[in-house]
Amino acid sequence: MGKGKLIWVTGLSGAGKTTIGTKLYNYLKSKDNGVILFDGDALRSVYQSTDYSDEGRMNNARMTNRLCKLLTDQDLDVICCIVGMNEDIRKLNRDTIENYYEIYLKVDIDELIRRDQKQLYSRALRGEIEHLPGINMDFDEPHNPDIVIENYGDSDPDDALKMIIDKFGF
């Protein structure tokens, strides 16, 4: 099959997935044109999904897995910045996509609540949002990521990019 890579950048909302994923995308794109960047919010828009329940999130994640497999089988590299909150979906990625790399951006929930760029955490704490991982919905922390990056905002995103490049030899 294809030799494309799936680089799964996971973590809770506000952990820096899109920022670091975009940096990685720009770096890889400068070396090879066959790179695609997916953001979980953009994918949800494509899928026209407003179901944030466990089942809805799993359906979206399975669709994302199939889409990523379709592209990696065509020798394209895919960077997917997504909460991907369930170990079952990460296992599915490992089982179905040969060149799968998992990056976990780990940030303590208290720090994410403090940052709260999208006002998701404050709204969930007030009961305005029903299904937010880390607050009123479980987040199944990755069991065996290829790399864990603690992203507390005290380092430059370029440092995270360097860690990823050094780890995987991209």
N, C-alpha and C. Protein backbone atom coordinates (compact mmCIF):
# COMPACT_ATOMS: atom_id res chain seq x y z
N MET A 1 0.83 -1.19 0.00
CA MET A 1 0.00 0.00 0.00
C MET A 1 0.87 1.25 0.00
N GLY A 2 0.23 2.38 0.28
CA GLY A 2 0.93 3.65 0.24
C GLY A 2 1.94 3.82 1.36
N LYS A 3 2.79 4.76 1.15
CA LYS A 3 3.83 5.03 2.14
C LYS A 3 3.61 6.37 2.84
N GLY A 4 2.44 6.95 2.65
CA GLY A 4 2.15 8.22 3.30
C GLY A 4 2.10 8.05 4.81
N LYS A 5 2.33 9.16 5.49
CA LYS A 5 2.32 9.17 6.95
C LYS A 5 1.05 9.82 7.47
N LEU A 6 0.56 9.29 8.58
CA LEU A 6 -0.46 9.99 9.34
C LEU A 6 0.19 10.45 10.63
N ILE A 7 0.21 11.76 10.81
CA ILE A 7 0.76 12.36 12.02
C ILE A 7 -0.43 12.90 12.80
N TRP A 8 -0.77 12.19 13.87
CA TRP A 8 -1.97 12.46 14.67
C TRP A 8 -1.56 13.32 15.86
N VAL A 9 -1.93 14.59 15.83
CA VAL A 9 -1.59 15.52 16.90
C VAL A 9 -2.83 15.62 17.79
N THR A 10 -2.72 15.09 19.00
CA THR A 10 -3.88 14.98 19.88
C THR A 10 -3.65 15.70 21.20
N GLY A 11 -4.74 16.03 21.85
CA GLY A 11 -4.72 16.70 23.14
C GLY A 11 -6.05 17.40 23.32
N LEU A 12 -6.27 17.89 24.49
CA LEU A 12 -7.52 18.59 24.79
C LEU A 12 -7.59 19.92 24.05
N SER A 13 -8.79 20.47 23.99
CA SER A 13 -9.00 21.76 23.35
C SER A 13 -8.11 22.81 24.02
N GLY A 14 -7.40 23.57 23.20
CA GLY A 14 -6.53 24.62 23.71
C GLY A 14 -5.12 24.17 24.00
N ALA A 15 -4.79 22.91 23.72
CA ALA A 15 -3.45 22.38 24.02
C ALA A 15 -2.39 22.83 23.01
N GLY A 16 -2.82 23.38 21.89
CA GLY A 16 -1.86 23.85 20.89
C GLY A 16 -1.76 22.96 19.66
N LYS A 17 -2.73 22.09 19.46
CA LYS A 17 -2.69 21.14 18.35
C LYS A 17 -2.56 21.84 17.00
N THR A 18 -3.42 22.80 16.76
CA THR A 18 -3.43 23.47 15.45
C THR A 18 -2.18 24.31 15.27
N THR A 19 -1.74 24.99 16.30
CA THR A 19 -0.53 25.81 16.20
C THR A 19 0.68 24.96 15.84
N ILE A 20 0.88 23.89 16.58
CA ILE A 20 2.05 23.04 16.35
C ILE A 20 1.87 22.23 15.06
N GLY A 21 0.66 21.75 14.81
CA GLY A 21 0.40 21.02 13.56
C GLY A 21 0.65 21.88 12.34
N THR A 22 0.27 23.15 12.40
CA THR A 22 0.50 24.06 11.27
C THR A 22 1.98 24.31 11.06
N LYS A 23 2.73 24.45 12.14
CA LYS A 23 4.17 24.60 12.02
C LYS A 23 4.79 23.37 11.36
N LEU A 24 4.35 22.19 11.78
CA LEU A 24 4.85 20.95 11.18
C LEU A 24 4.45 20.87 9.71
N TYR A 25 3.22 21.24 9.41
CA TYR A 25 2.75 21.26 8.02
C TYR A 25 3.65 22.16 7.16
N ASN A 26 3.90 23.38 7.61
CA ASN A 26 4.72 24.31 6.84
C ASN A 26 6.13 23.77 6.64
N TYR A 27 6.67 23.15 7.68
CA TYR A 27 8.01 22.56 7.57
C TYR A 27 8.01 21.44 6.54
N LEU A 28 7.07 20.48 6.66
CA LEU A 28 7.03 19.35 5.72
C LEU A 28 6.68 19.81 4.31
N LYS A 29 5.81 20.78 4.19
CA LYS A 29 5.40 21.30 2.88
C LYS A 29 6.58 21.94 2.16
N SER A 30 7.51 22.53 2.91
CA SER A 30 8.69 23.14 2.28
C SER A 30 9.61 22.08 1.69
N LYS A 31 9.46 20.83 2.14
CA LYS A 31 10.29 19.73 1.66
C LYS A 31 9.59 18.88 0.60
N ASP A 32 8.24 18.85 0.65
CA ASP A 32 7.47 17.98 -0.23
C ASP A 32 6.05 18.53 -0.33
N ASN A 33 5.54 18.58 -1.53
CA ASN A 33 4.21 19.16 -1.74
C ASN A 33 3.07 18.25 -1.31
N GLY A 34 3.32 16.97 -1.11
CA GLY A 34 2.27 16.01 -0.82
C GLY A 34 1.91 15.93 0.65
N VAL A 35 1.55 17.07 1.24
CA VAL A 35 1.22 17.14 2.66
C VAL A 35 -0.14 17.82 2.81
N ILE A 36 -0.96 17.25 3.68
CA ILE A 36 -2.30 17.78 3.93
C ILE A 36 -2.44 18.03 5.43
N LEU A 37 -3.09 19.12 5.78
CA LEU A 37 -3.34 19.46 7.17
C LEU A 37 -4.84 19.42 7.42
N PHE A 38 -5.25 18.63 8.42
CA PHE A 38 -6.64 18.59 8.85
C PHE A 38 -6.72 19.11 10.27
N ASP A 39 -7.72 19.93 10.51
CA ASP A 39 -8.03 20.40 11.85
C ASP A 39 -9.39 19.82 12.22
N GLY A 40 -9.53 19.37 13.46
CA GLY A 40 -10.77 18.74 13.89
C GLY A 40 -12.00 19.60 13.67
N ASP A 41 -11.90 20.91 13.92
CA ASP A 41 -13.05 21.79 13.73
C ASP A 41 -13.43 21.87 12.25
N ALA A 42 -12.43 21.93 11.36
CA ALA A 42 -12.70 21.99 9.93
C ALA A 42 -13.31 20.68 9.44
N LEU A 43 -12.80 19.55 9.94
CA LEU A 43 -13.37 18.26 9.55
C LEU A 43 -14.83 18.16 10.00
N ARG A 44 -15.10 18.61 11.21
CA ARG A 44 -16.48 18.59 11.72
C ARG A 44 -17.39 19.40 10.80
N SER A 45 -16.88 20.51 10.28
CA SER A 45 -17.65 21.32 9.34
C SER A 45 -17.90 20.57 8.03
N VAL A 46 -16.88 19.89 7.53
CA VAL A 46 -17.03 19.09 6.31
C VAL A 46 -18.06 17.99 6.52
N TYR A 47 -17.98 17.33 7.66
CA TYR A 47 -18.92 16.25 7.96
C TYR A 47 -20.31 16.78 8.32
N GLN A 48 -20.43 18.08 8.51
CA GLN A 48 -21.67 18.73 8.94
C GLN A 48 -22.19 18.09 10.22
N SER A 49 -21.28 17.88 11.15
CA SER A 49 -21.62 17.20 12.40
C SER A 49 -21.68 18.18 13.55
N THR A 50 -22.79 18.14 14.25
CA THR A 50 -22.93 18.94 15.48
C THR A 50 -23.16 18.04 16.68
N ASP A 51 -22.90 16.75 16.51
CA ASP A 51 -23.08 15.76 17.57
C ASP A 51 -21.77 15.62 18.35
N TYR A 52 -21.72 16.18 19.54
CA TYR A 52 -20.51 16.15 20.37
C TYR A 52 -20.56 15.04 21.42
N SER A 53 -21.55 14.17 21.34
CA SER A 53 -21.66 13.05 22.28
C SER A 53 -20.53 12.06 22.01
N ASP A 54 -20.36 11.10 22.91
CA ASP A 54 -19.35 10.05 22.70
C ASP A 54 -19.56 9.38 21.35
N GLU A 55 -20.80 9.01 21.05
CA GLU A 55 -21.09 8.32 19.80
C GLU A 55 -20.82 9.21 18.58
N GLY A 56 -21.23 10.47 18.66
CA GLY A 56 -20.98 11.41 17.56
C GLY A 56 -19.50 11.63 17.32
N ARG A 57 -18.75 11.77 18.41
CA ARG A 57 -17.30 11.95 18.28
C ARG A 57 -16.63 10.71 17.69
N MET A 58 -17.09 9.53 18.10
CA MET A 58 -16.52 8.29 17.56
C MET A 58 -16.85 8.15 16.07
N ASN A 59 -18.05 8.50 15.67
CA ASN A 59 -18.41 8.45 14.25
C ASN A 59 -17.50 9.37 13.44
N ASN A 60 -17.29 10.59 13.93
CA ASN A 60 -16.39 11.53 13.25
C ASN A 60 -14.97 10.98 13.19
N ALA A 61 -14.52 10.40 14.29
CA ALA A 61 -13.15 9.87 14.34
C ALA A 61 -12.99 8.70 13.36
N ARG A 62 -13.98 7.85 13.26
CA ARG A 62 -13.90 6.74 12.30
C ARG A 62 -13.88 7.26 10.86
N MET A 63 -14.68 8.29 10.58
CA MET A 63 -14.65 8.89 9.23
C MET A 63 -13.28 9.51 8.97
N THR A 64 -12.73 10.14 9.97
CA THR A 64 -11.41 10.75 9.81
C THR A 64 -10.35 9.68 9.57
N ASN A 65 -10.45 8.57 10.28
CA ASN A 65 -9.52 7.46 10.06
C ASN A 65 -9.60 6.98 8.61
N ARG A 66 -10.80 6.78 8.10
CA ARG A 66 -10.97 6.29 6.72
C ARG A 66 -10.45 7.31 5.71
N LEU A 67 -10.71 8.58 5.95
CA LEU A 67 -10.21 9.63 5.06
C LEU A 67 -8.69 9.67 5.07
N CYS A 68 -8.10 9.60 6.26
CA CYS A 68 -6.64 9.62 6.38
C CYS A 68 -6.03 8.39 5.71
N LYS A 69 -6.65 7.24 5.86
CA LYS A 69 -6.15 6.02 5.22
C LYS A 69 -6.21 6.15 3.71
N LEU A 70 -7.31 6.67 3.19
CA LEU A 70 -7.45 6.89 1.75
C LEU A 70 -6.29 7.73 1.22
N LEU A 71 -5.95 8.77 1.94
CA LEU A 71 -4.89 9.69 1.49
C LEU A 71 -3.50 9.11 1.69
N THR A 72 -3.26 8.48 2.83
CA THR A 72 -1.92 7.89 3.05
C THR A 72 -1.68 6.74 2.09
N ASP A 73 -2.72 6.01 1.71
CA ASP A 73 -2.58 4.95 0.72
C ASP A 73 -2.19 5.49 -0.65
N GLN A 74 -2.38 6.79 -0.86
CA GLN A 74 -1.99 7.44 -2.11
C GLN A 74 -0.67 8.21 -1.94
N ASP A 75 0.10 7.81 -0.93
CA ASP A 75 1.42 8.38 -0.66
C ASP A 75 1.40 9.84 -0.22
N LEU A 76 0.28 10.30 0.30
CA LEU A 76 0.22 11.65 0.84
C LEU A 76 0.45 11.58 2.34
N ASP A 77 1.10 12.60 2.87
CA ASP A 77 1.28 12.73 4.32
C ASP A 77 0.15 13.59 4.86
N VAL A 78 -0.44 13.14 5.97
CA VAL A 78 -1.56 13.84 6.57
C VAL A 78 -1.21 14.18 8.01
N ILE A 79 -1.38 15.44 8.34
CA ILE A 79 -1.26 15.89 9.72
C ILE A 79 -2.68 16.15 10.19
N CYS A 80 -3.08 15.48 11.23
CA CYS A 80 -4.45 15.59 11.72
C CYS A 80 -4.42 16.11 13.16
N CYS A 81 -4.89 17.33 13.35
CA CYS A 81 -4.91 17.98 14.66
C CYS A 81 -6.32 17.81 15.22
N ILE A 82 -6.45 16.90 16.19
CA ILE A 82 -7.78 16.48 16.61
C ILE A 82 -7.74 16.03 18.08
N VAL A 83 -8.83 16.28 18.79
CA VAL A 83 -8.89 15.81 20.18
C VAL A 83 -8.69 14.29 20.21
N GLY A 84 -9.35 13.57 19.32
CA GLY A 84 -9.16 12.11 19.24
C GLY A 84 -9.18 11.48 20.62
N MET A 85 -10.25 11.70 21.32
CA MET A 85 -10.29 11.49 22.77
C MET A 85 -10.39 10.05 23.22
N ASN A 86 -10.39 9.10 22.31
CA ASN A 86 -10.63 7.72 22.68
C ASN A 86 -9.48 6.83 22.21
N GLU A 87 -8.98 6.00 23.09
CA GLU A 87 -7.87 5.12 22.75
C GLU A 87 -8.25 4.15 21.63
N ASP A 88 -9.53 3.78 21.53
CA ASP A 88 -9.96 2.88 20.47
C ASP A 88 -9.66 3.46 19.09
N ILE A 89 -9.86 4.76 18.91
CA ILE A 89 -9.61 5.35 17.60
C ILE A 89 -8.11 5.44 17.32
N ARG A 90 -7.33 5.70 18.34
CA ARG A 90 -5.87 5.73 18.14
C ARG A 90 -5.36 4.33 17.81
N LYS A 91 -5.94 3.30 18.41
CA LYS A 91 -5.59 1.92 18.09
C LYS A 91 -6.00 1.60 16.65
N LEU A 92 -7.17 2.05 16.25
CA LEU A 92 -7.61 1.85 14.87
C LEU A 92 -6.62 2.48 13.90
N ASN A 93 -6.16 3.68 14.21
CA ASN A 93 -5.14 4.33 13.36
C ASN A 93 -3.89 3.46 13.27
N ARG A 94 -3.41 3.00 14.41
CA ARG A 94 -2.20 2.17 14.42
C ARG A 94 -2.39 0.88 13.63
N ASP A 95 -3.60 0.29 13.73
CA ASP A 95 -3.87 -0.98 13.07
C ASP A 95 -4.09 -0.84 11.57
N THR A 96 -4.54 0.31 11.11
CA THR A 96 -4.92 0.44 9.70
C THR A 96 -3.98 1.30 8.87
N ILE A 97 -3.15 2.09 9.51
CA ILE A 97 -2.27 3.00 8.77
C ILE A 97 -0.83 2.68 9.13
N GLU A 98 -0.09 2.23 8.13
CA GLU A 98 1.25 1.69 8.35
C GLU A 98 2.20 2.71 9.00
N ASN A 99 2.22 3.92 8.49
CA ASN A 99 3.13 4.94 8.98
C ASN A 99 2.37 5.94 9.85
N TYR A 100 2.06 5.49 11.06
CA TYR A 100 1.26 6.29 12.00
C TYR A 100 2.17 6.82 13.10
N TYR A 101 2.08 8.14 13.32
CA TYR A 101 2.87 8.81 14.35
C TYR A 101 1.89 9.56 15.25
N GLU A 102 2.01 9.33 16.55
CA GLU A 102 1.09 9.96 17.49
C GLU A 102 1.83 10.94 18.39
N ILE A 103 1.38 12.17 18.37
CA ILE A 103 1.95 13.23 19.17
C ILE A 103 0.88 13.69 20.17
N TYR A 104 1.20 13.59 21.43
CA TYR A 104 0.26 14.00 22.47
C TYR A 104 0.73 15.30 23.10
N LEU A 105 -0.08 16.34 22.95
CA LEU A 105 0.21 17.62 23.59
C LEU A 105 -0.50 17.61 24.94
N LYS A 106 0.29 17.44 25.95
CA LYS A 106 -0.24 17.28 27.30
C LYS A 106 -0.22 18.62 28.02
N VAL A 107 -1.40 19.02 28.47
CA VAL A 107 -1.54 20.25 29.23
C VAL A 107 -2.54 19.97 30.35
N ASP A 108 -2.19 20.35 31.55
CA ASP A 108 -3.06 20.18 32.71
C ASP A 108 -4.36 20.95 32.50
N ILE A 109 -5.46 20.35 32.93
CA ILE A 109 -6.79 20.97 32.75
C ILE A 109 -6.87 22.35 33.39
N ASP A 110 -6.20 22.55 34.52
CA ASP A 110 -6.22 23.88 35.16
C ASP A 110 -5.59 24.94 34.26
N GLU A 111 -4.53 24.56 33.55
CA GLU A 111 -3.88 25.49 32.62
C GLU A 111 -4.81 25.78 31.43
N LEU A 112 -5.48 24.75 30.94
CA LEU A 112 -6.40 24.96 29.82
C LEU A 112 -7.57 25.86 30.22
N ILE A 113 -8.06 25.68 31.44
CA ILE A 113 -9.14 26.55 31.94
C ILE A 113 -8.63 27.98 32.06
N ARG A 114 -7.39 28.14 32.51
CA ARG A 114 -6.80 29.48 32.64
C ARG A 114 -6.69 30.14 31.26
N ARG A 115 -6.22 29.40 30.25
CA ARG A 115 -6.05 29.95 28.89
C ARG A 115 -7.40 30.24 28.25
N ASP A 116 -8.21 29.21 28.12
CA ASP A 116 -9.59 29.25 27.62
C ASP A 116 -9.79 30.18 26.42
N GLN A 117 -8.95 30.02 25.38
CA GLN A 117 -9.00 30.92 24.22
C GLN A 117 -10.37 30.97 23.55
N LYS A 118 -11.04 29.85 23.45
CA LYS A 118 -12.34 29.79 22.76
C LYS A 118 -13.52 29.91 23.73
N GLN A 119 -13.24 30.15 25.00
CA GLN A 119 -14.26 30.25 26.03
C GLN A 119 -15.07 28.95 26.18
N LEU A 120 -14.49 27.84 25.78
CA LEU A 120 -15.17 26.55 25.90
C LEU A 120 -15.23 26.09 27.35
N TYR A 121 -14.11 26.21 28.04
CA TYR A 121 -14.05 25.71 29.42
C TYR A 121 -14.95 26.49 30.36
N SER A 122 -14.93 27.82 30.23
CA SER A 122 -15.79 28.63 31.10
C SER A 122 -17.26 28.34 30.81
N ARG A 123 -17.60 28.16 29.54
CA ARG A 123 -18.99 27.84 29.20
C ARG A 123 -19.38 26.46 29.71
N ALA A 124 -18.48 25.49 29.62
CA ALA A 124 -18.79 24.14 30.13
C ALA A 124 -18.94 24.16 31.64
N LEU A 125 -18.10 24.92 32.32
CA LEU A 125 -18.18 25.00 33.78
C LEU A 125 -19.48 25.68 34.23
N ARG A 126 -20.02 26.56 33.38
CA ARG A 126 -21.30 27.20 33.69
C ARG A 126 -22.49 26.34 33.26
N GLY A 127 -22.21 25.19 32.64
CA GLY A 127 -23.27 24.30 32.19
C GLY A 127 -23.84 24.64 30.83
N GLU A 128 -23.17 25.53 30.09
CA GLU A 128 -23.67 25.94 28.78
C GLU A 128 -23.24 24.97 27.67
N ILE A 129 -22.20 24.20 27.91
CA ILE A 129 -21.72 23.19 26.96
C ILE A 129 -21.80 21.85 27.66
N GLU A 130 -22.42 20.91 27.00
CA GLU A 130 -22.70 19.62 27.63
C GLU A 130 -21.59 18.59 27.45
N HIS A 131 -20.90 18.60 26.33
CA HIS A 131 -19.95 17.53 26.02
C HIS A 131 -18.56 18.10 25.74
N LEU A 132 -17.83 18.45 26.79
CA LEU A 132 -16.48 18.97 26.60
C LEU A 132 -15.48 18.05 27.32
N PRO A 133 -14.64 17.36 26.54
CA PRO A 133 -13.65 16.48 27.16
C PRO A 133 -12.78 17.23 28.17
N GLY A 134 -12.60 16.60 29.31
CA GLY A 134 -11.80 17.19 30.37
C GLY A 134 -12.64 17.89 31.42
N ILE A 135 -13.88 18.24 31.07
CA ILE A 135 -14.75 18.93 32.02
C ILE A 135 -15.94 18.04 32.38
N ASN A 136 -16.82 17.82 31.42
CA ASN A 136 -18.01 17.03 31.70
C ASN A 136 -18.11 15.81 30.77
N MET A 137 -16.96 15.42 30.26
CA MET A 137 -16.84 14.27 29.38
C MET A 137 -15.42 13.72 29.55
N ASP A 138 -15.30 12.41 29.58
CA ASP A 138 -13.99 11.81 29.76
C ASP A 138 -13.07 12.08 28.58
N PHE A 139 -11.80 12.20 28.89
CA PHE A 139 -10.75 12.23 27.87
C PHE A 139 -9.84 11.06 28.18
N ASP A 140 -9.81 10.11 27.28
CA ASP A 140 -8.98 8.92 27.43
C ASP A 140 -7.56 9.30 27.00
N GLU A 141 -6.74 9.65 27.98
CA GLU A 141 -5.38 10.09 27.69
C GLU A 141 -4.66 9.01 26.88
N PRO A 142 -3.90 9.41 25.85
CA PRO A 142 -3.19 8.42 25.04
C PRO A 142 -2.36 7.47 25.90
N HIS A 143 -2.48 6.19 25.62
CA HIS A 143 -1.78 5.17 26.40
C HIS A 143 -0.33 5.00 25.97
N ASN A 144 -0.07 5.17 24.67
CA ASN A 144 1.27 4.89 24.16
C ASN A 144 1.63 5.82 23.00
N PRO A 145 1.60 7.14 23.22
CA PRO A 145 1.95 8.03 22.12
C PRO A 145 3.43 7.90 21.77
N ASP A 146 3.77 8.25 20.56
CA ASP A 146 5.18 8.20 20.14
C ASP A 146 5.99 9.31 20.80
N ILE A 147 5.33 10.42 21.07
CA ILE A 147 6.00 11.53 21.75
C ILE A 147 4.96 12.30 22.57
N VAL A 148 5.37 12.72 23.75
CA VAL A 148 4.54 13.57 24.61
C VAL A 148 5.24 14.91 24.73
N ILE A 149 4.50 15.96 24.43
CA ILE A 149 5.04 17.31 24.56
C ILE A 149 4.17 18.05 25.57
N GLU A 150 4.78 18.45 26.67
CA GLU A 150 4.07 19.25 27.65
C GLU A 150 4.09 20.69 27.16
N ASN A 151 2.91 21.23 26.91
CA ASN A 151 2.80 22.54 26.28
C ASN A 151 2.11 23.51 27.22
N TYR A 152 2.90 24.08 28.10
CA TYR A 152 2.36 25.00 29.10
C TYR A 152 2.54 26.47 28.70
N GLY A 153 2.88 26.69 27.45
CA GLY A 153 2.99 28.05 26.95
C GLY A 153 4.25 28.76 27.35
N ASP A 154 5.17 28.05 28.01
CA ASP A 154 6.41 28.69 28.45
C ASP A 154 7.55 28.45 27.47
N SER A 155 7.25 27.79 26.34
CA SER A 155 8.26 27.59 25.31
C SER A 155 7.65 27.96 23.96
N ASP A 156 8.51 28.24 23.03
CA ASP A 156 8.09 28.63 21.70
C ASP A 156 7.59 27.40 20.94
N PRO A 157 6.53 27.53 20.14
CA PRO A 157 6.08 26.39 19.35
C PRO A 157 7.17 25.82 18.44
N ASP A 158 8.15 26.64 18.08
CA ASP A 158 9.27 26.13 17.29
C ASP A 158 10.07 25.08 18.06
N ASP A 159 10.08 25.18 19.39
CA ASP A 159 10.75 24.16 20.21
C ASP A 159 10.03 22.82 20.08
N ALA A 160 8.71 22.86 20.08
CA ALA A 160 7.93 21.63 19.90
C ALA A 160 8.18 21.06 18.51
N LEU A 161 8.22 21.91 17.51
CA LEU A 161 8.50 21.47 16.15
C LEU A 161 9.85 20.77 16.08
N LYS A 162 10.85 21.36 16.71
CA LYS A 162 12.18 20.76 16.72
C LYS A 162 12.16 19.39 17.41
N MET A 163 11.44 19.28 18.51
CA MET A 163 11.32 17.99 19.20
C MET A 163 10.72 16.92 18.28
N ILE A 164 9.70 17.30 17.53
CA ILE A 164 9.02 16.37 16.62
C ILE A 164 9.97 15.96 15.48
N ILE A 165 10.63 16.94 14.89
CA ILE A 165 11.55 16.64 13.79
C ILE A 165 12.67 15.74 14.28
N ASP A 166 13.22 16.05 15.44
CA ASP A 166 14.32 15.24 15.99
C ASP A 166 13.85 13.83 16.31
N LYS A 167 12.66 13.69 16.87
CA LYS A 167 12.14 12.38 17.26
C LYS A 167 11.90 11.48 16.05
N PHE A 168 11.29 12.03 15.01
CA PHE A 168 10.87 11.20 13.88
C PHE A 168 11.80 11.30 12.67
N GLY A 169 12.74 12.22 12.69
CA GLY A 169 13.66 12.36 11.57
C GLY A 169 13.00 12.92 10.31
N PHE A 170 11.98 13.72 10.48
CA PHE A 170 11.28 14.31 9.32
C PHE A 170 12.16 15.33 8.64
